[in-house]
Amino acid sequence: MDCMEGIKQIDDLSVDLILTDPPYNVGKEFEKYLDNASFKQLIRKVFQLGYIKLKNDRFLIYTCPTNNVDFFIENTKFAGFNF
């Protein structure tokens, strides 16, 4: 099952912590490279789904490349998270 479908089966406001290492979209051999708009849409959707699954005042922790921190912060905030 695709993880984007699987996460929809999790009850909203039921998760204590999300710890993830999302794709960086840098063209690694093991990942599918997306154009920038498609990658942004994917990351926003993942973070938005995570936001509605997390209990209030819980945490999303993720890794990201140092040369793209601003992109990830922007999209984390777009999903509703606060820093």
Protein backbone atom coordinates (compact mmCIF):
# COMPACT_ATOMS: atom_id res chain seq x y z
CA MET A 1 0.00 0.00 0.00
CA ASP A 2 1.19 3.50 -0.82
CA CYS A 3 1.99 5.51 2.33
CA MET A 4 -0.24 8.37 1.15
CA GLU A 5 -3.18 5.97 1.16
CA GLY A 6 -2.13 4.28 4.39
CA ILE A 7 -1.96 7.51 6.38
CA LYS A 8 -5.59 8.23 5.50
CA GLN A 9 -6.58 5.13 7.48
CA ILE A 10 -5.12 6.60 10.68
CA ASP A 11 -7.62 8.47 12.86
CA ASP A 12 -7.26 12.25 12.97
CA LEU A 13 -5.76 13.65 16.18
CA SER A 14 -4.47 10.20 17.20
CA VAL A 15 -0.69 10.36 16.65
CA ASP A 16 1.80 11.48 19.33
CA LEU A 17 4.89 11.94 17.13
CA ILE A 18 5.85 11.89 13.48
CA LEU A 19 9.54 11.29 12.77
CA THR A 20 10.34 11.21 9.07
CA ASP A 21 13.12 11.52 6.54
CA PRO A 22 11.24 12.78 3.46
CA PRO A 23 12.74 12.66 -0.02
CA TYR A 24 14.99 15.62 -0.82
CA ASN A 25 14.37 15.56 -4.57
CA VAL A 26 18.05 15.84 -5.39
CA GLY A 27 18.13 13.06 -7.98
CA LYS A 28 19.50 10.19 -5.89
CA GLU A 29 19.53 6.86 -7.67
CA PHE A 30 16.84 5.42 -5.37
CA GLU A 31 14.34 8.28 -5.62
CA LYS A 32 12.11 9.56 -8.38
CA TYR A 33 13.02 13.15 -9.31
CA LEU A 34 10.04 15.52 -9.54
CA ASP A 35 9.88 18.99 -11.04
CA ASN A 36 9.89 21.70 -8.35
CA ALA A 37 6.15 22.36 -8.46
CA SER A 38 5.29 18.66 -8.13
CA PHE A 39 7.79 18.19 -5.31
CA LYS A 40 6.38 21.18 -3.42
CA GLN A 41 2.86 19.82 -3.85
CA LEU A 42 3.96 16.39 -2.54
CA ILE A 43 5.72 17.79 0.54
CA ARG A 44 2.78 20.08 1.35
CA LYS A 45 0.34 17.18 1.10
CA VAL A 46 2.49 14.96 3.33
CA PHE A 47 2.87 17.69 5.97
CA GLN A 48 -0.84 18.59 5.82
CA LEU A 49 -1.85 14.96 6.32
CA GLY A 50 0.60 14.71 9.20
CA TYR A 51 -0.81 17.85 10.77
CA ILE A 52 -4.37 16.49 10.92
CA LYS A 53 -3.23 13.10 12.26
CA LEU A 54 -1.17 14.52 15.15
CA LYS A 55 -2.76 15.16 18.51
CA ASN A 56 -2.77 18.80 19.60
CA ASP A 57 0.58 20.07 20.88
CA ARG A 58 2.51 17.10 19.49
CA PHE A 59 5.55 17.05 17.24
CA LEU A 60 6.65 16.57 13.65
CA ILE A 61 10.39 15.94 13.40
CA TYR A 62 12.06 15.60 10.02
CA THR A 63 15.45 15.71 8.40
CA CYS A 64 16.16 17.94 5.43
CA PRO A 65 19.18 19.01 3.41
CA THR A 66 20.98 22.10 4.70
CA ASN A 67 20.77 23.78 1.30
CA ASN A 68 16.97 23.53 1.31
CA VAL A 69 15.98 24.29 4.91
CA ASP A 70 13.91 27.34 3.96
CA PHE A 71 11.81 25.27 1.54
CA PHE A 72 10.98 22.72 4.24
CA ILE A 73 10.24 25.37 6.88
CA GLU A 74 7.95 27.24 4.47
CA ASN A 75 5.98 24.10 3.71
CA THR A 76 5.83 22.99 7.32
CA LYS A 77 4.27 26.34 8.23
CA PHE A 78 1.93 26.11 5.22
CA ALA A 79 0.57 22.84 6.68
CA GLY A 80 -0.26 24.60 9.96
CA PHE A 81 2.74 23.79 12.15
CA ASN A 82 4.35 26.41 14.38
CA PHE A 83 8.01 26.82 15.26
